[in-house]
């Protein structure tokens, strides 16, 4: 990812841990990290919802993710 230094500190740290988990072939840890990343981005952007699916929908509604990206997640 380009411009990783532009990310908020907490989001950057989670992102780097996800990359490390994927490189170490630890898919469960990577998936847990991905959820933490989604929740951190939502918190940063003020998106609240009762569950992960609704948080992802909120990211798409606010234009942070495309609808296709949200569908993949």
C-alpha atoms as a PDB file:
ATOM      1  CA  UNK A   1       0.000   0.000   0.000  1.00  0.00           C
ATOM      2  CA  UNK A   2       1.320   3.416  -0.904  1.00  0.00           C
ATOM      3  CA  UNK A   3       1.377   6.244   1.640  1.00  0.00           C
ATOM      4  CA  UNK A   4       1.012   3.961   4.652  1.00  0.00           C
ATOM      5  CA  UNK A   5       2.520   6.729   6.771  1.00  0.00           C
ATOM      6  CA  UNK A   6      -0.583   8.827   6.073  1.00  0.00           C
ATOM      7  CA  UNK A   7      -2.782   6.370   7.975  1.00  0.00           C
ATOM      8  CA  UNK A   8      -3.706   7.039  11.588  1.00  0.00           C
ATOM      9  CA  UNK A   9      -1.228   5.322  13.917  1.00  0.00           C
ATOM     10  CA  UNK A  10      -3.630   2.663  15.233  1.00  0.00           C
ATOM     11  CA  UNK A  11      -4.938   1.768  11.776  1.00  0.00           C
ATOM     12  CA  UNK A  12      -1.388   1.583  10.384  1.00  0.00           C
ATOM     13  CA  UNK A  13      -0.335  -0.759  13.204  1.00  0.00           C
ATOM     14  CA  UNK A  14      -3.280  -3.105  12.613  1.00  0.00           C
ATOM     15  CA  UNK A  15      -2.660  -3.080   8.856  1.00  0.00           C
ATOM     16  CA  UNK A  16       1.008  -3.982   9.301  1.00  0.00           C
ATOM     17  CA  UNK A  17       0.104  -6.841  11.647  1.00  0.00           C
ATOM     18  CA  UNK A  18      -2.354  -8.187   9.068  1.00  0.00           C
ATOM     19  CA  UNK A  19       0.355  -8.124   6.400  1.00  0.00           C
ATOM     20  CA  UNK A  20       2.747  -9.883   8.789  1.00  0.00           C
ATOM     21  CA  UNK A  21       0.126 -12.543   9.553  1.00  0.00           C
ATOM     22  CA  UNK A  22      -0.527 -13.138   5.877  1.00  0.00           C
ATOM     23  CA  UNK A  23       3.185 -13.359   5.090  1.00  0.00           C
ATOM     24  CA  UNK A  24       3.598 -15.867   7.921  1.00  0.00           C
ATOM     25  CA  UNK A  25       0.694 -17.897   6.489  1.00  0.00           C
ATOM     26  CA  UNK A  26      -1.465 -17.360   9.557  1.00  0.00           C
ATOM     27  CA  UNK A  27      -4.907 -16.899   7.989  1.00  0.00           C
ATOM     28  CA  UNK A  28      -6.914 -16.986  11.211  1.00  0.00           C
ATOM     29  CA  UNK A  29      -4.834 -14.197  12.743  1.00  0.00           C
ATOM     30  CA  UNK A  30      -5.083 -12.251   9.483  1.00  0.00           C
ATOM     31  CA  UNK A  31      -8.878 -12.597   9.525  1.00  0.00           C
ATOM     32  CA  UNK A  32      -9.060 -11.441  13.141  1.00  0.00           C
ATOM     33  CA  UNK A  33      -6.852  -8.505  12.203  1.00  0.00           C
ATOM     34  CA  UNK A  34      -9.083  -7.659   9.250  1.00  0.00           C
ATOM     35  CA  UNK A  35     -12.076  -7.434  11.550  1.00  0.00           C
ATOM     36  CA  UNK A  36     -10.105  -5.208  13.923  1.00  0.00           C
ATOM     37  CA  UNK A  37      -9.099  -3.032  10.963  1.00  0.00           C
ATOM     38  CA  UNK A  38     -12.700  -2.656   9.794  1.00  0.00           C
ATOM     39  CA  UNK A  39     -13.798  -1.725  13.310  1.00  0.00           C
ATOM     40  CA  UNK A  40     -10.927   0.778  13.691  1.00  0.00           C
ATOM     41  CA  UNK A  41     -11.718   2.473  10.371  1.00  0.00           C
ATOM     42  CA  UNK A  42     -15.388   2.677  11.333  1.00  0.00           C
ATOM     43  CA  UNK A  43     -14.521   4.205  14.685  1.00  0.00           C
ATOM     44  CA  UNK A  44     -12.191   6.704  12.980  1.00  0.00           C
ATOM     45  CA  UNK A  45     -14.963   7.677  10.545  1.00  0.00           C
ATOM     46  CA  UNK A  46     -17.757   7.745  13.131  1.00  0.00           C
ATOM     47  CA  UNK A  47     -19.637   4.778  11.690  1.00  0.00           C
ATOM     48  CA  UNK A  48     -21.575   2.774  14.259  1.00  0.00           C
ATOM     49  CA  UNK A  49     -23.599  -0.391  13.819  1.00  0.00           C
ATOM     50  CA  UNK A  50     -24.636  -3.410  15.879  1.00  0.00           C
ATOM     51  CA  UNK A  51     -22.593  -5.961  13.912  1.00  0.00           C
ATOM     52  CA  UNK A  52     -19.773  -6.410  11.401  1.00  0.00           C
ATOM     53  CA  UNK A  53     -22.065  -6.731   8.384  1.00  0.00           C
ATOM     54  CA  UNK A  54     -23.717  -3.403   9.155  1.00  0.00           C
ATOM     55  CA  UNK A  55     -20.330  -1.759   9.757  1.00  0.00           C
ATOM     56  CA  UNK A  56     -19.193  -2.902   6.314  1.00  0.00           C
ATOM     57  CA  UNK A  57     -22.448  -1.621   4.811  1.00  0.00           C
ATOM     58  CA  UNK A  58     -21.781   1.702   6.543  1.00  0.00           C
ATOM     59  CA  UNK A  59     -18.334   1.903   4.958  1.00  0.00           C
ATOM     60  CA  UNK A  60     -19.928   1.409   1.537  1.00  0.00           C
ATOM     61  CA  UNK A  61     -22.739   3.880   2.206  1.00  0.00           C
ATOM     62  CA  UNK A  62     -20.170   6.509   3.196  1.00  0.00           C
ATOM     63  CA  UNK A  63     -18.082   5.894   0.071  1.00  0.00           C
ATOM     64  CA  UNK A  64     -15.095   4.465   1.934  1.00  0.00           C
ATOM     65  CA  UNK A  65     -15.571   1.111   0.194  1.00  0.00           C
ATOM     66  CA  UNK A  66     -17.192   0.406  -3.131  1.00  0.00           C
ATOM     67  CA  UNK A  67     -20.255  -1.825  -3.104  1.00  0.00           C
ATOM     68  CA  UNK A  68     -18.160  -4.557  -4.762  1.00  0.00           C
ATOM     69  CA  UNK A  69     -15.526  -4.335  -2.014  1.00  0.00           C
ATOM     70  CA  UNK A  70     -18.212  -4.464   0.659  1.00  0.00           C
ATOM     71  CA  UNK A  71     -19.717  -7.556  -0.981  1.00  0.00           C
ATOM     72  CA  UNK A  72     -16.346  -9.308  -0.892  1.00  0.00           C
ATOM     73  CA  UNK A  73     -15.974  -8.597   2.813  1.00  0.00           C
END
